């Protein structure tokens, strides 16, 4: 049975639950609710983990509990243990405006500490769903990413999460059908890139 992984980045704990930096966690929580599966904490990997079976393949969903800056310390051992063939990482992206979504494979972490941690232990050749959160004109970066989405933004989140869910499921089906990273990336970019209205 081939195994694939969708990892959402964020920080554990109620304090960070609805912050912009937790977009990856929030997307996976929306997905779990929509597909009616639940996460269970796994002590070995220090992560919340869920899985589904798709066309006799296993899809894992993972939320690291290492805190953002150490995400790779959880994801890398998990990927090795289950011999993950293809991985999609869902994360917040400062350099993309809120309401936008883009896809990427490889390249720079763009200063994102969660991606830096993964790159350090796994390299950077993995697919990414970049969930735009934009930048603040008044707040420092750390303060901004660790603050909650604004009330206006919160009104739009369900639509954005639903779009991300469709993209993730498309990734899952393409990965299970044996498409290459390049093919998957091209289709995700063509079908699911979202520009803020």
N, C-alpha and C. Protein backbone atom coordinates (compact mmCIF):
# COMPACT_ATOMS: atom_id res chain seq x y z
N UNK A 1 0.84 -1.20 0.00
CA UNK A 1 0.00 0.00 0.00
C UNK A 1 0.88 1.25 0.00
N UNK A 2 0.72 2.10 -1.01
CA UNK A 2 1.48 3.35 -1.09
C UNK A 2 0.92 4.36 -0.10
N UNK A 3 1.80 5.19 0.45
CA UNK A 3 1.38 6.17 1.46
C UNK A 3 1.73 7.59 1.02
N UNK A 4 0.81 8.51 1.26
CA UNK A 4 0.99 9.92 0.92
C UNK A 4 0.65 10.76 2.14
N UNK A 5 1.16 11.99 2.17
CA UNK A 5 1.02 12.81 3.37
C UNK A 5 0.58 14.23 3.03
N UNK A 6 -0.40 14.71 3.79
CA UNK A 6 -0.77 16.13 3.78
C UNK A 6 -0.49 16.66 5.18
N UNK A 7 0.46 17.58 5.30
CA UNK A 7 0.84 18.14 6.60
C UNK A 7 0.40 19.59 6.67
N UNK A 8 -0.31 19.93 7.73
CA UNK A 8 -0.71 21.32 7.96
C UNK A 8 0.16 21.91 9.05
N UNK A 9 0.69 23.11 8.83
CA UNK A 9 1.60 23.72 9.80
C UNK A 9 0.85 24.66 10.75
N UNK A 10 1.32 24.71 11.99
CA UNK A 10 0.72 25.59 12.98
C UNK A 10 1.36 25.37 14.34
N UNK A 11 0.79 26.02 15.34
CA UNK A 11 1.24 25.87 16.72
C UNK A 11 0.13 25.22 17.54
N UNK A 12 0.47 24.27 18.41
CA UNK A 12 -0.56 23.62 19.23
C UNK A 12 -1.03 24.53 20.36
N UNK A 13 -2.21 24.25 20.87
CA UNK A 13 -2.71 24.97 22.04
C UNK A 13 -3.80 25.97 21.70
N UNK A 14 -4.69 26.19 22.66
CA UNK A 14 -5.84 27.09 22.48
C UNK A 14 -5.38 28.51 22.16
N UNK A 15 -4.28 28.93 22.75
CA UNK A 15 -3.75 30.28 22.56
C UNK A 15 -3.55 30.62 21.09
N UNK A 16 -3.15 29.63 20.30
CA UNK A 16 -2.81 29.88 18.89
C UNK A 16 -3.89 29.38 17.92
N UNK A 17 -4.97 28.85 18.46
CA UNK A 17 -5.94 28.08 17.68
C UNK A 17 -6.43 28.79 16.42
N UNK A 18 -6.78 30.07 16.53
CA UNK A 18 -7.38 30.78 15.40
C UNK A 18 -6.47 31.86 14.82
N UNK A 19 -5.17 31.70 15.03
CA UNK A 19 -4.23 32.71 14.52
C UNK A 19 -3.93 32.48 13.04
N UNK A 20 -3.43 33.52 12.40
CA UNK A 20 -3.09 33.43 10.98
C UNK A 20 -2.01 32.36 10.74
N UNK A 21 -1.08 32.25 11.67
CA UNK A 21 0.02 31.29 11.52
C UNK A 21 -0.48 29.84 11.56
N UNK A 22 -1.72 29.65 12.02
CA UNK A 22 -2.29 28.32 12.12
C UNK A 22 -3.18 27.97 10.94
N UNK A 23 -3.03 28.68 9.85
CA UNK A 23 -3.86 28.41 8.67
C UNK A 23 -3.78 26.95 8.24
N UNK A 24 -2.60 26.35 8.33
CA UNK A 24 -2.44 24.95 7.95
C UNK A 24 -3.26 24.01 8.81
N UNK A 25 -3.24 24.25 10.12
CA UNK A 25 -4.06 23.46 11.04
C UNK A 25 -5.54 23.65 10.73
N UNK A 26 -5.94 24.91 10.52
CA UNK A 26 -7.35 25.24 10.32
C UNK A 26 -7.90 24.60 9.05
N UNK A 27 -7.08 24.57 8.00
CA UNK A 27 -7.50 23.92 6.76
C UNK A 27 -7.74 22.42 7.00
N UNK A 28 -6.82 21.77 7.71
CA UNK A 28 -6.98 20.33 7.97
C UNK A 28 -8.16 20.06 8.90
N UNK A 29 -8.42 20.96 9.83
CA UNK A 29 -9.60 20.80 10.70
C UNK A 29 -10.89 20.88 9.88
N UNK A 30 -10.92 21.82 8.93
CA UNK A 30 -12.08 21.95 8.04
C UNK A 30 -12.25 20.67 7.22
N UNK A 31 -11.15 20.17 6.70
CA UNK A 31 -11.16 18.95 5.90
C UNK A 31 -11.69 17.76 6.72
N UNK A 32 -11.22 17.66 7.96
CA UNK A 32 -11.65 16.56 8.83
C UNK A 32 -13.16 16.61 9.08
N UNK A 33 -13.66 17.82 9.28
CA UNK A 33 -15.09 17.98 9.51
C UNK A 33 -15.88 17.62 8.25
N UNK A 34 -15.39 18.08 7.10
CA UNK A 34 -16.09 17.83 5.84
C UNK A 34 -16.11 16.35 5.47
N UNK A 35 -14.99 15.67 5.73
CA UNK A 35 -14.87 14.25 5.35
C UNK A 35 -15.19 13.31 6.51
N UNK A 36 -15.50 13.90 7.65
CA UNK A 36 -15.91 13.14 8.84
C UNK A 36 -14.85 12.13 9.32
N UNK A 37 -13.62 12.64 9.46
CA UNK A 37 -12.60 11.85 10.14
C UNK A 37 -12.08 12.67 11.32
N UNK A 38 -11.39 12.04 12.24
CA UNK A 38 -10.91 12.76 13.41
C UNK A 38 -9.42 12.51 13.64
N UNK A 39 -8.78 13.50 14.24
CA UNK A 39 -7.35 13.40 14.56
C UNK A 39 -7.15 12.76 15.93
N UNK A 40 -6.08 11.99 16.04
CA UNK A 40 -5.68 11.39 17.31
C UNK A 40 -4.23 11.76 17.58
N UNK A 41 -3.92 12.12 18.82
CA UNK A 41 -2.54 12.48 19.14
C UNK A 41 -1.68 11.22 19.19
N UNK A 42 -0.53 11.29 18.51
CA UNK A 42 0.42 10.18 18.47
C UNK A 42 1.70 10.62 19.18
N UNK A 43 1.99 9.96 20.30
CA UNK A 43 3.13 10.35 21.13
C UNK A 43 4.46 10.10 20.41
N UNK A 44 4.54 9.01 19.66
CA UNK A 44 5.79 8.66 18.97
C UNK A 44 6.26 9.78 18.05
N UNK A 45 5.30 10.38 17.32
CA UNK A 45 5.66 11.42 16.35
C UNK A 45 5.35 12.83 16.85
N UNK A 46 4.79 12.94 18.06
CA UNK A 46 4.42 14.23 18.63
C UNK A 46 3.57 15.03 17.64
N UNK A 47 2.48 14.41 17.23
CA UNK A 47 1.61 15.03 16.23
C UNK A 47 0.20 14.50 16.35
N UNK A 48 -0.74 15.28 15.86
CA UNK A 48 -2.10 14.79 15.67
C UNK A 48 -2.16 14.20 14.27
N UNK A 49 -2.67 12.98 14.18
CA UNK A 49 -2.63 12.24 12.92
C UNK A 49 -4.01 11.66 12.61
N UNK A 50 -4.36 11.68 11.34
CA UNK A 50 -5.57 11.01 10.85
C UNK A 50 -5.21 10.36 9.52
N UNK A 51 -6.04 9.46 9.06
CA UNK A 51 -5.77 8.84 7.75
C UNK A 51 -7.07 8.39 7.10
N UNK A 52 -7.03 8.32 5.78
CA UNK A 52 -8.13 7.75 5.01
C UNK A 52 -7.52 6.81 3.98
N UNK A 53 -8.32 5.90 3.47
CA UNK A 53 -7.87 5.02 2.39
C UNK A 53 -8.55 5.45 1.10
N UNK A 54 -7.75 5.59 0.07
CA UNK A 54 -8.24 6.06 -1.22
C UNK A 54 -7.69 5.15 -2.31
N UNK A 55 -8.57 4.46 -3.01
CA UNK A 55 -8.12 3.55 -4.08
C UNK A 55 -7.02 2.60 -3.60
N UNK A 56 -7.20 2.06 -2.42
CA UNK A 56 -6.26 1.13 -1.77
C UNK A 56 -4.92 1.77 -1.41
N UNK A 57 -4.86 3.10 -1.42
CA UNK A 57 -3.68 3.84 -0.95
C UNK A 57 -4.02 4.53 0.37
N UNK A 58 -3.00 4.82 1.15
CA UNK A 58 -3.20 5.45 2.45
C UNK A 58 -2.81 6.92 2.37
N UNK A 59 -3.75 7.79 2.78
CA UNK A 59 -3.46 9.22 2.86
C UNK A 59 -3.42 9.60 4.33
N UNK A 60 -2.29 10.13 4.78
CA UNK A 60 -2.17 10.60 6.16
C UNK A 60 -2.34 12.12 6.20
N UNK A 61 -2.98 12.59 7.25
CA UNK A 61 -3.09 14.02 7.54
C UNK A 61 -2.41 14.25 8.88
N UNK A 62 -1.53 15.23 8.94
CA UNK A 62 -0.68 15.39 10.12
C UNK A 62 -0.59 16.84 10.54
N UNK A 63 -0.73 17.07 11.85
CA UNK A 63 -0.54 18.40 12.44
C UNK A 63 0.53 18.28 13.52
N UNK A 64 1.75 18.77 13.25
CA UNK A 64 2.84 18.64 14.22
C UNK A 64 2.53 19.38 15.52
N UNK A 65 2.94 18.80 16.64
CA UNK A 65 2.80 19.46 17.94
C UNK A 65 4.16 19.91 18.47
N UNK A 66 5.09 20.12 17.57
CA UNK A 66 6.45 20.52 17.94
C UNK A 66 6.59 22.03 18.06
N UNK A 67 5.53 22.77 17.73
CA UNK A 67 5.55 24.20 17.49
C UNK A 67 6.19 24.45 16.12
N UNK A 68 5.76 25.55 15.53
CA UNK A 68 6.06 25.84 14.13
C UNK A 68 7.54 25.68 13.77
N UNK A 69 8.41 26.28 14.58
CA UNK A 69 9.83 26.35 14.22
C UNK A 69 10.54 25.01 14.20
N UNK A 70 9.87 23.97 14.70
CA UNK A 70 10.47 22.62 14.72
C UNK A 70 9.63 21.61 13.94
N UNK A 71 8.82 22.08 13.02
CA UNK A 71 7.90 21.21 12.27
C UNK A 71 8.61 20.03 11.62
N UNK A 72 9.79 20.26 11.09
CA UNK A 72 10.54 19.20 10.41
C UNK A 72 10.93 18.05 11.31
N UNK A 73 11.09 18.33 12.62
CA UNK A 73 11.48 17.29 13.58
C UNK A 73 10.39 16.24 13.76
N UNK A 74 9.18 16.60 13.39
CA UNK A 74 8.05 15.66 13.44
C UNK A 74 7.79 15.06 12.07
N UNK A 75 7.77 15.90 11.05
CA UNK A 75 7.37 15.46 9.71
C UNK A 75 8.40 14.52 9.09
N UNK A 76 9.69 14.81 9.24
CA UNK A 76 10.73 13.98 8.62
C UNK A 76 10.72 12.54 9.12
N UNK A 77 10.70 12.30 10.44
CA UNK A 77 10.65 10.91 10.92
C UNK A 77 9.38 10.19 10.48
N UNK A 78 8.26 10.92 10.46
CA UNK A 78 7.00 10.32 10.03
C UNK A 78 7.09 9.89 8.57
N UNK A 79 7.61 10.78 7.73
CA UNK A 79 7.73 10.49 6.29
C UNK A 79 8.65 9.30 6.04
N UNK A 80 9.73 9.20 6.82
CA UNK A 80 10.65 8.07 6.68
C UNK A 80 9.99 6.76 7.13
N UNK A 81 9.32 6.82 8.26
CA UNK A 81 8.72 5.62 8.85
C UNK A 81 7.68 5.00 7.92
N UNK A 82 6.87 5.85 7.29
CA UNK A 82 5.80 5.35 6.43
C UNK A 82 6.17 5.37 4.95
N UNK A 83 7.43 5.69 4.66
CA UNK A 83 7.91 5.70 3.27
C UNK A 83 6.97 6.52 2.39
N UNK A 84 6.74 7.77 2.80
CA UNK A 84 5.82 8.66 2.09
C UNK A 84 6.35 8.96 0.69
N UNK A 85 5.51 8.74 -0.31
CA UNK A 85 5.92 8.92 -1.70
C UNK A 85 5.74 10.36 -2.19
N UNK A 86 4.74 11.04 -1.67
CA UNK A 86 4.45 12.41 -2.10
C UNK A 86 3.87 13.16 -0.91
N UNK A 87 4.29 14.42 -0.75
CA UNK A 87 3.84 15.20 0.40
C UNK A 87 3.37 16.58 -0.04
N UNK A 88 2.27 17.02 0.55
CA UNK A 88 1.76 18.38 0.37
C UNK A 88 1.76 19.06 1.73
N UNK A 89 2.41 20.22 1.82
CA UNK A 89 2.45 20.98 3.07
C UNK A 89 1.56 22.21 2.92
N UNK A 90 0.64 22.38 3.85
CA UNK A 90 -0.30 23.51 3.84
C UNK A 90 0.18 24.52 4.88
N UNK A 91 0.41 25.77 4.44
CA UNK A 91 0.95 26.77 5.37
C UNK A 91 0.47 28.17 5.04
N UNK A 92 0.56 29.05 6.02
CA UNK A 92 0.24 30.46 5.83
C UNK A 92 1.35 31.12 5.02
N UNK A 93 0.99 32.14 4.24
CA UNK A 93 1.98 32.80 3.38
C UNK A 93 1.81 34.32 3.45
N UNK A 94 2.79 34.99 4.04
CA UNK A 94 2.78 36.45 4.18
C UNK A 94 2.85 37.17 2.84
N UNK A 95 3.56 36.59 1.89
CA UNK A 95 3.82 37.28 0.63
C UNK A 95 2.68 37.15 -0.38
N UNK A 96 1.57 36.57 0.05
CA UNK A 96 0.38 36.46 -0.79
C UNK A 96 -0.78 37.10 -0.04
N UNK A 97 -1.55 37.94 -0.71
CA UNK A 97 -2.63 38.65 -0.04
C UNK A 97 -3.71 37.70 0.46
N UNK A 98 -4.39 38.11 1.52
CA UNK A 98 -5.49 37.30 2.05
C UNK A 98 -6.54 37.10 0.96
N UNK A 99 -7.04 35.87 0.88
CA UNK A 99 -8.02 35.55 -0.17
C UNK A 99 -7.39 34.92 -1.39
N UNK A 100 -6.06 34.85 -1.38
CA UNK A 100 -5.33 34.23 -2.50
C UNK A 100 -4.73 32.90 -2.05
N UNK A 101 -4.52 32.02 -3.01
CA UNK A 101 -3.92 30.71 -2.73
C UNK A 101 -3.05 30.33 -3.92
N UNK A 102 -1.84 29.89 -3.63
CA UNK A 102 -0.94 29.47 -4.71
C UNK A 102 -0.27 28.15 -4.35
N UNK A 103 0.38 27.58 -5.36
CA UNK A 103 1.01 26.27 -5.19
C UNK A 103 2.44 26.33 -5.69
N UNK A 104 3.30 25.55 -5.05
CA UNK A 104 4.73 25.62 -5.34
C UNK A 104 5.36 24.28 -5.01
N UNK A 105 6.48 23.99 -5.66
CA UNK A 105 7.29 22.82 -5.30
C UNK A 105 8.75 23.27 -5.32
N UNK A 106 9.43 23.08 -4.21
CA UNK A 106 10.83 23.50 -4.13
C UNK A 106 10.97 25.00 -3.95
N UNK A 107 12.19 25.46 -4.05
CA UNK A 107 12.47 26.89 -3.91
C UNK A 107 12.62 27.31 -2.46
N UNK A 108 12.68 28.61 -2.27
CA UNK A 108 12.95 29.20 -0.96
C UNK A 108 11.79 29.01 0.01
N UNK A 109 12.14 29.05 1.30
CA UNK A 109 11.11 28.99 2.34
C UNK A 109 10.43 30.34 2.52
N UNK A 110 11.00 31.38 1.91
CA UNK A 110 10.43 32.72 2.03
C UNK A 110 10.43 33.24 3.45
N UNK A 111 11.35 32.73 4.26
CA UNK A 111 11.44 33.19 5.65
C UNK A 111 10.47 32.51 6.59
N UNK A 112 9.69 31.55 6.08
CA UNK A 112 8.72 30.84 6.92
C UNK A 112 9.46 29.80 7.77
N UNK A 113 9.42 29.95 9.08
CA UNK A 113 10.22 29.09 9.96
C UNK A 113 9.80 27.63 9.93
N UNK A 114 8.52 27.37 9.72
CA UNK A 114 8.07 25.99 9.60
C UNK A 114 8.67 25.30 8.39
N UNK A 115 8.66 26.02 7.26
CA UNK A 115 9.26 25.48 6.03
C UNK A 115 10.77 25.34 6.18
N UNK A 116 11.40 26.33 6.82
CA UNK A 116 12.85 26.25 7.05
C UNK A 116 13.21 24.97 7.79
N UNK A 117 12.41 24.65 8.80
CA UNK A 117 12.66 23.46 9.61
C UNK A 117 12.53 22.18 8.77
N UNK A 118 11.51 22.14 7.92
CA UNK A 118 11.33 20.98 7.04
C UNK A 118 12.48 20.89 6.05
N UNK A 119 12.82 22.02 5.42
CA UNK A 119 13.90 22.05 4.42
C UNK A 119 15.22 21.55 5.01
N UNK A 120 15.46 21.91 6.26
CA UNK A 120 16.73 21.56 6.91
C UNK A 120 16.92 20.05 7.02
N UNK A 121 15.82 19.32 7.26
CA UNK A 121 15.94 17.87 7.49
C UNK A 121 15.48 17.01 6.31
N UNK A 122 14.75 17.62 5.36
CA UNK A 122 14.19 16.84 4.25
C UNK A 122 14.54 17.38 2.88
N UNK A 123 15.15 18.57 2.82
CA UNK A 123 15.29 19.23 1.53
C UNK A 123 14.00 19.96 1.21
N UNK A 124 13.98 20.65 0.07
CA UNK A 124 12.82 21.49 -0.23
C UNK A 124 11.95 20.99 -1.39
N UNK A 125 12.21 19.77 -1.85
CA UNK A 125 11.45 19.27 -3.01
C UNK A 125 10.14 18.60 -2.58
N UNK A 126 9.22 19.41 -2.11
CA UNK A 126 7.89 18.91 -1.76
C UNK A 126 6.87 19.97 -2.19
N UNK A 127 5.64 19.54 -2.37
CA UNK A 127 4.57 20.43 -2.81
C UNK A 127 4.05 21.26 -1.65
N UNK A 128 3.64 22.48 -1.97
CA UNK A 128 3.13 23.39 -0.93
C UNK A 128 1.85 24.05 -1.38
N UNK A 129 0.90 24.12 -0.48
CA UNK A 129 -0.29 24.95 -0.67
C UNK A 129 -0.05 26.19 0.17
N UNK A 130 0.07 27.33 -0.49
CA UNK A 130 0.41 28.59 0.18
C UNK A 130 -0.88 29.39 0.40
N UNK A 131 -1.32 29.45 1.64
CA UNK A 131 -2.58 30.10 2.00
C UNK A 131 -2.28 31.56 2.35
N UNK A 132 -2.70 32.47 1.50
CA UNK A 132 -2.35 33.87 1.68
C UNK A 132 -2.94 34.51 2.93
N UNK A 133 -2.09 35.17 3.70
CA UNK A 133 -2.58 35.93 4.86
C UNK A 133 -2.20 37.41 4.72
N UNK A 134 -1.39 37.75 3.71
CA UNK A 134 -1.00 39.14 3.50
C UNK A 134 -0.09 39.66 4.61
N UNK A 135 0.21 40.94 4.53
CA UNK A 135 1.05 41.58 5.55
C UNK A 135 0.28 42.73 6.19
N UNK A 136 0.69 43.10 7.38
CA UNK A 136 0.08 44.23 8.08
C UNK A 136 0.91 45.49 7.86
N UNK A 137 0.22 46.60 7.68
CA UNK A 137 0.91 47.88 7.51
C UNK A 137 1.33 48.45 8.86
N UNK A 138 0.76 47.93 9.93
CA UNK A 138 1.01 48.52 11.25
C UNK A 138 1.68 47.58 12.25
N UNK A 139 1.46 46.27 12.12
CA UNK A 139 1.99 45.32 13.10
C UNK A 139 3.32 44.71 12.64
N UNK A 140 4.16 44.39 13.61
CA UNK A 140 5.37 43.62 13.31
C UNK A 140 4.95 42.22 12.85
N UNK A 141 5.82 41.58 12.06
CA UNK A 141 5.48 40.28 11.47
C UNK A 141 5.06 39.26 12.52
N UNK A 142 5.87 39.09 13.58
CA UNK A 142 5.57 38.07 14.60
C UNK A 142 4.23 38.35 15.26
N UNK A 143 4.00 39.60 15.61
CA UNK A 143 2.73 39.97 16.25
C UNK A 143 1.55 39.69 15.31
N UNK A 144 1.75 40.02 14.05
CA UNK A 144 0.68 39.85 13.05
C UNK A 144 0.33 38.38 12.83
N UNK A 145 1.34 37.54 12.59
CA UNK A 145 1.03 36.13 12.29
C UNK A 145 0.47 35.39 13.50
N UNK A 146 0.81 35.87 14.70
CA UNK A 146 0.31 35.21 15.92
C UNK A 146 -0.97 35.86 16.45
N UNK A 147 -1.58 36.72 15.64
CA UNK A 147 -2.88 37.29 16.01
C UNK A 147 -3.98 36.60 15.22
N UNK A 148 -5.21 36.69 15.73
CA UNK A 148 -6.34 36.04 15.07
C UNK A 148 -6.69 36.75 13.76
N UNK A 149 -7.32 36.01 12.87
CA UNK A 149 -7.87 36.63 11.67
C UNK A 149 -8.87 37.71 12.09
N UNK A 150 -8.94 38.79 11.31
CA UNK A 150 -9.88 39.86 11.63
C UNK A 150 -11.32 39.36 11.44
N UNK A 151 -12.30 40.03 12.06
CA UNK A 151 -13.70 39.61 11.87
C UNK A 151 -14.10 39.56 10.40
N UNK A 152 -13.63 40.53 9.62
CA UNK A 152 -13.95 40.55 8.18
C UNK A 152 -13.35 39.34 7.48
N UNK A 153 -12.10 39.01 7.82
CA UNK A 153 -11.44 37.84 7.23
C UNK A 153 -12.15 36.55 7.64
N UNK A 154 -12.57 36.50 8.90
CA UNK A 154 -13.23 35.29 9.39
C UNK A 154 -14.49 34.97 8.61
N UNK A 155 -15.17 36.01 8.10
CA UNK A 155 -16.38 35.80 7.31
C UNK A 155 -16.07 35.06 6.00
N UNK A 156 -14.84 35.17 5.53
CA UNK A 156 -14.46 34.56 4.25
C UNK A 156 -13.76 33.21 4.39
N UNK A 157 -13.40 32.86 5.61
CA UNK A 157 -12.55 31.68 5.81
C UNK A 157 -13.18 30.38 5.32
N UNK A 158 -14.46 30.17 5.59
CA UNK A 158 -15.07 28.90 5.18
C UNK A 158 -15.01 28.68 3.68
N UNK A 159 -15.20 29.76 2.91
CA UNK A 159 -15.11 29.65 1.44
C UNK A 159 -13.68 29.30 1.03
N UNK A 160 -12.71 29.94 1.68
CA UNK A 160 -11.30 29.67 1.37
C UNK A 160 -10.90 28.26 1.80
N UNK A 161 -11.36 27.84 2.97
CA UNK A 161 -11.05 26.49 3.44
C UNK A 161 -11.67 25.44 2.52
N UNK A 162 -12.87 25.71 2.02
CA UNK A 162 -13.53 24.77 1.11
C UNK A 162 -12.74 24.65 -0.19
N UNK A 163 -12.20 25.77 -0.66
CA UNK A 163 -11.37 25.76 -1.87
C UNK A 163 -10.10 24.95 -1.63
N UNK A 164 -9.48 25.17 -0.47
CA UNK A 164 -8.27 24.42 -0.11
C UNK A 164 -8.57 22.93 -0.02
N UNK A 165 -9.73 22.59 0.53
CA UNK A 165 -10.12 21.18 0.64
C UNK A 165 -10.18 20.52 -0.73
N UNK A 166 -10.78 21.21 -1.69
CA UNK A 166 -10.88 20.65 -3.05
C UNK A 166 -9.49 20.45 -3.66
N UNK A 167 -8.60 21.40 -3.41
CA UNK A 167 -7.23 21.29 -3.93
C UNK A 167 -6.51 20.10 -3.28
N UNK A 168 -6.69 19.95 -1.98
CA UNK A 168 -6.04 18.84 -1.26
C UNK A 168 -6.55 17.50 -1.77
N UNK A 169 -7.85 17.39 -1.96
CA UNK A 169 -8.40 16.12 -2.45
C UNK A 169 -7.94 15.84 -3.87
N UNK A 170 -7.79 16.89 -4.66
CA UNK A 170 -7.26 16.71 -6.02
C UNK A 170 -5.83 16.19 -5.95
N UNK A 171 -5.02 16.76 -5.03
CA UNK A 171 -3.66 16.26 -4.81
C UNK A 171 -3.70 14.77 -4.47
N UNK A 172 -4.60 14.40 -3.56
CA UNK A 172 -4.68 13.01 -3.11
C UNK A 172 -4.99 12.06 -4.27
N UNK A 173 -5.97 12.42 -5.08
CA UNK A 173 -6.35 11.56 -6.21
C UNK A 173 -5.23 11.47 -7.24
N UNK A 174 -4.58 12.60 -7.51
CA UNK A 174 -3.48 12.58 -8.49
C UNK A 174 -2.29 11.77 -7.98
N UNK A 175 -1.96 11.94 -6.70
CA UNK A 175 -0.85 11.18 -6.11
C UNK A 175 -1.14 9.69 -6.16
N UNK A 176 -2.38 9.32 -5.85
CA UNK A 176 -2.76 7.90 -5.85
C UNK A 176 -2.75 7.30 -7.25
N UNK A 177 -2.96 8.15 -8.25
CA UNK A 177 -2.97 7.64 -9.63
C UNK A 177 -1.57 7.61 -10.24
N UNK A 178 -0.56 8.00 -9.44
CA UNK A 178 0.83 7.87 -9.88
C UNK A 178 1.38 9.04 -10.66
N UNK A 179 0.68 10.17 -10.63
CA UNK A 179 1.20 11.35 -11.35
C UNK A 179 2.44 11.89 -10.63
N UNK A 180 3.33 12.48 -11.40
CA UNK A 180 4.58 13.02 -10.84
C UNK A 180 4.32 14.34 -10.11
N UNK A 181 5.29 14.77 -9.31
CA UNK A 181 5.18 16.05 -8.61
C UNK A 181 4.94 17.18 -9.59
N UNK A 182 5.65 17.15 -10.72
CA UNK A 182 5.51 18.20 -11.73
C UNK A 182 4.11 18.22 -12.32
N UNK A 183 3.56 17.04 -12.60
CA UNK A 183 2.20 16.97 -13.14
C UNK A 183 1.17 17.46 -12.12
N UNK A 184 1.35 17.03 -10.88
CA UNK A 184 0.43 17.45 -9.82
C UNK A 184 0.48 18.96 -9.64
N UNK A 185 1.70 19.51 -9.58
CA UNK A 185 1.86 20.95 -9.41
C UNK A 185 1.18 21.71 -10.53
N UNK A 186 1.40 21.29 -11.76
CA UNK A 186 0.82 21.97 -12.92
C UNK A 186 -0.70 22.00 -12.83
N UNK A 187 -1.29 20.87 -12.47
CA UNK A 187 -2.76 20.82 -12.38
C UNK A 187 -3.29 21.65 -11.23
N UNK A 188 -2.60 21.61 -10.11
CA UNK A 188 -3.02 22.43 -8.97
C UNK A 188 -2.95 23.91 -9.32
N UNK A 189 -1.85 24.30 -9.97
CA UNK A 189 -1.71 25.71 -10.36
C UNK A 189 -2.79 26.13 -11.35
N UNK A 190 -3.09 25.26 -12.30
CA UNK A 190 -4.08 25.60 -13.33
C UNK A 190 -5.51 25.62 -12.79
N UNK A 191 -5.80 24.71 -11.87
CA UNK A 191 -7.19 24.53 -11.44
C UNK A 191 -7.54 25.19 -10.11
N UNK A 192 -6.53 25.46 -9.28
CA UNK A 192 -6.87 25.91 -7.92
C UNK A 192 -6.18 27.19 -7.47
N UNK A 193 -5.35 27.79 -8.31
CA UNK A 193 -4.76 29.08 -7.94
C UNK A 193 -5.90 30.07 -7.74
N UNK A 194 -5.83 30.82 -6.67
CA UNK A 194 -6.92 31.74 -6.31
C UNK A 194 -6.34 33.13 -6.11
N UNK A 195 -6.98 34.12 -6.73
CA UNK A 195 -6.55 35.50 -6.55
C UNK A 195 -7.60 36.25 -5.75
N UNK A 196 -7.13 37.06 -4.80
CA UNK A 196 -8.06 37.82 -3.96
C UNK A 196 -8.94 38.71 -4.82
N UNK A 197 -10.20 38.78 -4.44
CA UNK A 197 -11.14 39.60 -5.21
C UNK A 197 -10.96 41.07 -4.91
